N, C-alpha and C. Protein backbone atom coordinates (compact mmCIF):
# COMPACT_ATOMS: atom_id res chain seq x y z
N MET A 1 -54.31 106.86 -107.54
CA MET A 1 -54.18 107.54 -108.19
C MET A 1 -52.96 108.30 -107.93
N ALA A 2 -51.34 108.66 -108.80
CA ALA A 2 -50.71 109.74 -108.36
C ALA A 2 -50.86 111.08 -108.89
N GLU A 3 -50.63 112.01 -107.86
CA GLU A 3 -51.20 113.09 -108.05
C GLU A 3 -50.06 113.87 -108.44
N THR A 4 -50.13 114.88 -109.13
CA THR A 4 -49.80 115.40 -110.58
C THR A 4 -49.35 116.37 -110.21
N ALA A 5 -48.32 117.56 -110.51
CA ALA A 5 -48.90 119.33 -110.50
C ALA A 5 -49.75 119.52 -112.03
N ASP A 6 -49.78 118.91 -112.26
CA ASP A 6 -50.89 119.16 -113.74
C ASP A 6 -52.87 118.74 -113.08
N SER A 7 -52.90 118.12 -111.96
CA SER A 7 -54.07 117.60 -111.37
C SER A 7 -54.37 119.08 -110.29
N LEU A 8 -53.45 119.90 -110.08
CA LEU A 8 -53.74 121.08 -109.27
C LEU A 8 -54.35 121.80 -109.72
N PRO A 9 -55.24 122.62 -109.01
CA PRO A 9 -55.41 123.79 -109.97
C PRO A 9 -54.46 125.00 -110.32
N ASP A 10 -54.54 125.59 -111.02
CA ASP A 10 -53.62 126.87 -111.21
C ASP A 10 -54.28 127.94 -110.28
N TYR A 11 -52.94 128.68 -109.53
CA TYR A 11 -53.13 129.40 -108.71
C TYR A 11 -52.17 131.04 -109.01
N GLN A 12 -53.05 131.95 -108.11
CA GLN A 12 -52.34 133.43 -108.34
C GLN A 12 -51.40 133.72 -107.09
N ALA A 13 -51.80 133.53 -106.22
CA ALA A 13 -50.93 133.20 -104.86
C ALA A 13 -50.44 132.05 -103.95
N GLU A 14 -49.55 132.22 -102.94
CA GLU A 14 -49.93 131.25 -102.01
C GLU A 14 -49.68 131.75 -100.61
N LEU A 15 -49.91 131.21 -99.87
CA LEU A 15 -49.79 131.33 -98.62
C LEU A 15 -49.43 130.25 -97.24
N ASP A 16 -48.18 130.32 -96.76
CA ASP A 16 -47.87 129.19 -96.13
C ASP A 16 -48.10 129.66 -94.45
N THR A 17 -48.88 128.62 -94.09
CA THR A 17 -48.89 129.12 -92.74
C THR A 17 -48.84 127.85 -91.62
N THR A 18 -47.88 127.17 -92.08
CA THR A 18 -47.02 125.98 -91.36
C THR A 18 -46.97 126.45 -90.13
N GLY A 19 -46.96 125.60 -89.25
CA GLY A 19 -46.17 125.79 -87.58
C GLY A 19 -47.21 126.72 -87.30
N LEU A 20 -48.03 127.45 -87.65
CA LEU A 20 -49.08 127.84 -86.79
C LEU A 20 -50.34 127.52 -86.61
N TYR A 21 -51.24 128.44 -85.66
CA TYR A 21 -52.07 127.55 -84.83
C TYR A 21 -53.21 128.89 -84.97
N CYS A 22 -54.68 127.77 -85.04
CA CYS A 22 -55.90 128.54 -84.82
C CYS A 22 -55.59 130.19 -83.67
N PRO A 23 -56.01 131.08 -83.96
CA PRO A 23 -57.00 131.63 -85.00
C PRO A 23 -55.71 132.34 -86.42
N GLU A 24 -54.63 132.45 -86.32
CA GLU A 24 -53.46 133.10 -87.27
C GLU A 24 -53.57 132.18 -88.46
N PRO A 25 -53.72 131.01 -88.75
CA PRO A 25 -54.51 130.97 -90.15
C PRO A 25 -55.26 131.40 -91.18
N ILE A 26 -56.33 131.55 -90.19
CA ILE A 26 -57.37 132.13 -90.68
C ILE A 26 -56.90 133.76 -90.85
N MET A 27 -56.62 134.47 -90.15
CA MET A 27 -56.01 135.88 -89.86
C MET A 27 -55.18 136.25 -91.10
N LEU A 28 -54.22 135.86 -91.09
CA LEU A 28 -53.44 135.34 -92.15
C LEU A 28 -54.07 135.30 -94.16
N MET A 29 -54.77 134.55 -94.14
CA MET A 29 -55.78 134.51 -95.03
C MET A 29 -56.61 135.59 -95.43
N HIS A 30 -56.99 136.46 -94.08
CA HIS A 30 -57.63 137.72 -94.98
C HIS A 30 -57.19 138.76 -95.30
N ASN A 31 -55.96 138.82 -94.44
CA ASN A 31 -55.01 139.78 -95.06
C ASN A 31 -54.34 139.47 -96.11
N LYS A 32 -54.40 138.61 -96.65
CA LYS A 32 -53.53 137.69 -98.27
C LYS A 32 -54.42 138.09 -98.76
N VAL A 33 -56.25 137.82 -98.81
CA VAL A 33 -57.05 137.80 -99.90
C VAL A 33 -57.34 139.53 -100.16
N ARG A 34 -56.87 140.25 -99.19
CA ARG A 34 -57.56 141.64 -99.33
C ARG A 34 -56.30 142.48 -100.79
N ASP A 35 -55.15 141.57 -101.23
CA ASP A 35 -54.19 141.90 -101.73
C ASP A 35 -54.98 141.23 -103.06
N MET A 36 -55.99 140.36 -103.17
CA MET A 36 -56.41 139.59 -104.42
C MET A 36 -57.41 140.14 -104.87
N ARG A 37 -57.65 139.43 -106.21
CA ARG A 37 -59.06 140.04 -107.19
C ARG A 37 -59.99 139.03 -106.95
N SER A 38 -61.46 139.23 -107.18
CA SER A 38 -62.58 138.49 -107.69
C SER A 38 -61.76 137.42 -108.60
N GLY A 39 -62.14 136.13 -108.35
CA GLY A 39 -61.95 135.14 -109.29
C GLY A 39 -60.24 134.96 -109.07
N GLU A 40 -59.50 135.06 -108.87
CA GLU A 40 -58.19 134.30 -108.66
C GLU A 40 -58.06 133.51 -107.36
N VAL A 41 -57.16 132.39 -107.72
CA VAL A 41 -56.73 131.41 -106.68
C VAL A 41 -55.91 131.53 -105.47
N LEU A 42 -56.07 131.31 -104.38
CA LEU A 42 -54.88 131.08 -103.37
C LEU A 42 -54.90 129.55 -103.00
N LYS A 43 -53.37 129.51 -102.51
CA LYS A 43 -53.12 128.21 -102.41
C LYS A 43 -53.06 128.35 -101.05
N VAL A 44 -53.25 127.69 -99.89
CA VAL A 44 -52.57 127.65 -98.67
C VAL A 44 -51.96 126.48 -98.08
N VAL A 45 -51.60 126.73 -97.42
CA VAL A 45 -50.66 125.31 -97.12
C VAL A 45 -50.50 125.53 -95.33
N ALA A 46 -51.08 124.31 -94.56
CA ALA A 46 -51.22 124.58 -93.04
C ALA A 46 -50.85 123.39 -92.07
N THR A 47 -50.39 123.21 -91.20
CA THR A 47 -50.40 121.86 -90.06
C THR A 47 -51.28 122.11 -89.01
N ASP A 48 -52.16 123.26 -89.17
CA ASP A 48 -52.68 123.23 -87.98
C ASP A 48 -54.31 122.47 -88.58
N PRO A 49 -54.54 121.16 -87.71
CA PRO A 49 -56.25 120.16 -88.30
C PRO A 49 -56.86 121.60 -88.09
N ALA A 50 -57.51 122.18 -87.37
CA ALA A 50 -58.36 123.13 -87.26
C ALA A 50 -58.59 123.93 -88.31
N THR A 51 -58.15 124.10 -89.28
CA THR A 51 -58.12 124.06 -90.80
C THR A 51 -59.01 123.88 -91.54
N THR A 52 -59.19 122.29 -91.55
CA THR A 52 -60.07 121.59 -92.05
C THR A 52 -61.36 122.04 -91.83
N ARG A 53 -61.43 122.67 -90.39
CA ARG A 53 -62.75 122.96 -90.11
C ARG A 53 -62.85 124.80 -90.46
N ASP A 54 -61.69 125.56 -90.17
CA ASP A 54 -61.85 126.70 -90.00
C ASP A 54 -62.19 127.43 -91.77
N VAL A 55 -61.23 126.17 -92.77
CA VAL A 55 -60.96 127.20 -93.67
C VAL A 55 -62.41 126.94 -95.27
N PRO A 56 -63.31 126.24 -95.00
CA PRO A 56 -64.57 125.76 -95.45
C PRO A 56 -65.46 126.87 -94.53
N LYS A 57 -65.41 126.84 -93.11
CA LYS A 57 -66.12 128.19 -93.18
C LYS A 57 -65.97 129.50 -93.75
N PHE A 58 -64.40 129.52 -93.49
CA PHE A 58 -64.11 131.17 -94.01
C PHE A 58 -64.74 131.61 -95.69
N CYS A 59 -64.16 130.65 -96.32
CA CYS A 59 -65.20 130.66 -97.02
C CYS A 59 -66.42 130.58 -97.81
N SER A 60 -67.04 129.26 -97.08
CA SER A 60 -69.06 130.00 -97.09
C SER A 60 -69.17 131.20 -96.57
N PHE A 61 -68.90 131.78 -95.45
CA PHE A 61 -68.89 133.08 -94.66
C PHE A 61 -68.75 134.24 -96.19
N LEU A 62 -67.43 133.83 -96.28
CA LEU A 62 -67.35 135.43 -97.10
C LEU A 62 -67.50 135.33 -99.11
N GLY A 63 -68.10 133.80 -99.13
CA GLY A 63 -68.08 133.97 -100.77
C GLY A 63 -67.04 133.01 -101.60
N HIS A 64 -66.40 132.72 -101.03
CA HIS A 64 -65.33 132.18 -101.81
C HIS A 64 -65.71 130.85 -102.23
N GLU A 65 -64.98 130.31 -103.05
CA GLU A 65 -65.06 128.83 -103.82
C GLU A 65 -63.69 127.58 -102.96
N LEU A 66 -64.62 127.10 -102.36
CA LEU A 66 -63.41 125.88 -102.11
C LEU A 66 -62.68 124.96 -103.08
N LEU A 67 -61.91 125.18 -103.77
CA LEU A 67 -61.69 124.10 -105.19
C LEU A 67 -61.29 122.51 -104.85
N LEU A 68 -60.10 122.67 -103.71
CA LEU A 68 -59.45 121.30 -103.57
C LEU A 68 -59.10 121.66 -102.16
N GLN A 69 -59.56 120.78 -101.35
CA GLN A 69 -58.86 120.54 -100.01
C GLN A 69 -58.20 119.02 -99.71
N GLN A 70 -57.13 119.08 -99.50
CA GLN A 70 -56.07 117.35 -99.29
C GLN A 70 -55.67 118.19 -97.93
N GLU A 71 -55.40 116.32 -97.76
CA GLU A 71 -54.84 116.58 -96.31
C GLU A 71 -53.31 115.04 -97.03
N SER A 72 -51.96 115.48 -96.40
CA SER A 72 -50.98 114.52 -96.53
C SER A 72 -49.78 114.80 -95.51
N GLY A 73 -49.74 113.67 -94.78
CA GLY A 73 -48.32 113.84 -93.83
C GLY A 73 -48.69 114.40 -93.05
N GLY A 74 -49.62 115.05 -92.54
CA GLY A 74 -49.98 116.13 -91.38
C GLY A 74 -49.87 117.50 -92.14
N GLN A 75 -49.66 117.64 -93.40
CA GLN A 75 -50.10 118.92 -93.88
C GLN A 75 -51.28 118.94 -94.82
N TYR A 76 -52.20 120.31 -94.66
CA TYR A 76 -53.37 120.21 -95.55
C TYR A 76 -52.94 121.60 -96.26
N ARG A 77 -53.25 121.48 -97.37
CA ARG A 77 -53.35 121.94 -98.62
C ARG A 77 -54.96 122.74 -98.80
N TYR A 78 -55.30 123.69 -99.29
CA TYR A 78 -56.72 124.57 -99.78
C TYR A 78 -56.29 125.08 -100.83
N PHE A 79 -56.87 125.21 -101.90
CA PHE A 79 -57.18 126.09 -103.29
C PHE A 79 -58.33 126.57 -103.52
N ILE A 80 -58.24 127.98 -102.97
CA ILE A 80 -59.18 128.76 -102.84
C ILE A 80 -59.67 129.81 -103.90
N ARG A 81 -60.90 130.06 -104.89
CA ARG A 81 -61.37 130.77 -105.98
C ARG A 81 -62.14 132.20 -104.93
N LEU A 82 -61.40 132.98 -104.99
CA LEU A 82 -61.98 134.44 -104.89
C LEU A 82 -63.43 134.64 -105.27
N GLY A 83 -64.42 134.80 -104.42
CA GLY A 83 -65.30 135.22 -104.94
C GLY A 83 -66.02 136.80 -105.13
């Protein structure tokens, strides 16, 4: 099934961590969520494969909901609803 913009969750903020490696993507996510409210959705774009491990742990530890996790061509996308 082809992915369309309609199939992706709506989001209120986006964070592009392309080219950054652990621990920078997670540190930037911590800073970004401080400016957001509970229930809002953050889209994160990354190229570091370690984010496939780190982002779910970040969400679990801080009580956020990982709505969607995708990988395509070495790029990772995450949609996170803040708890």
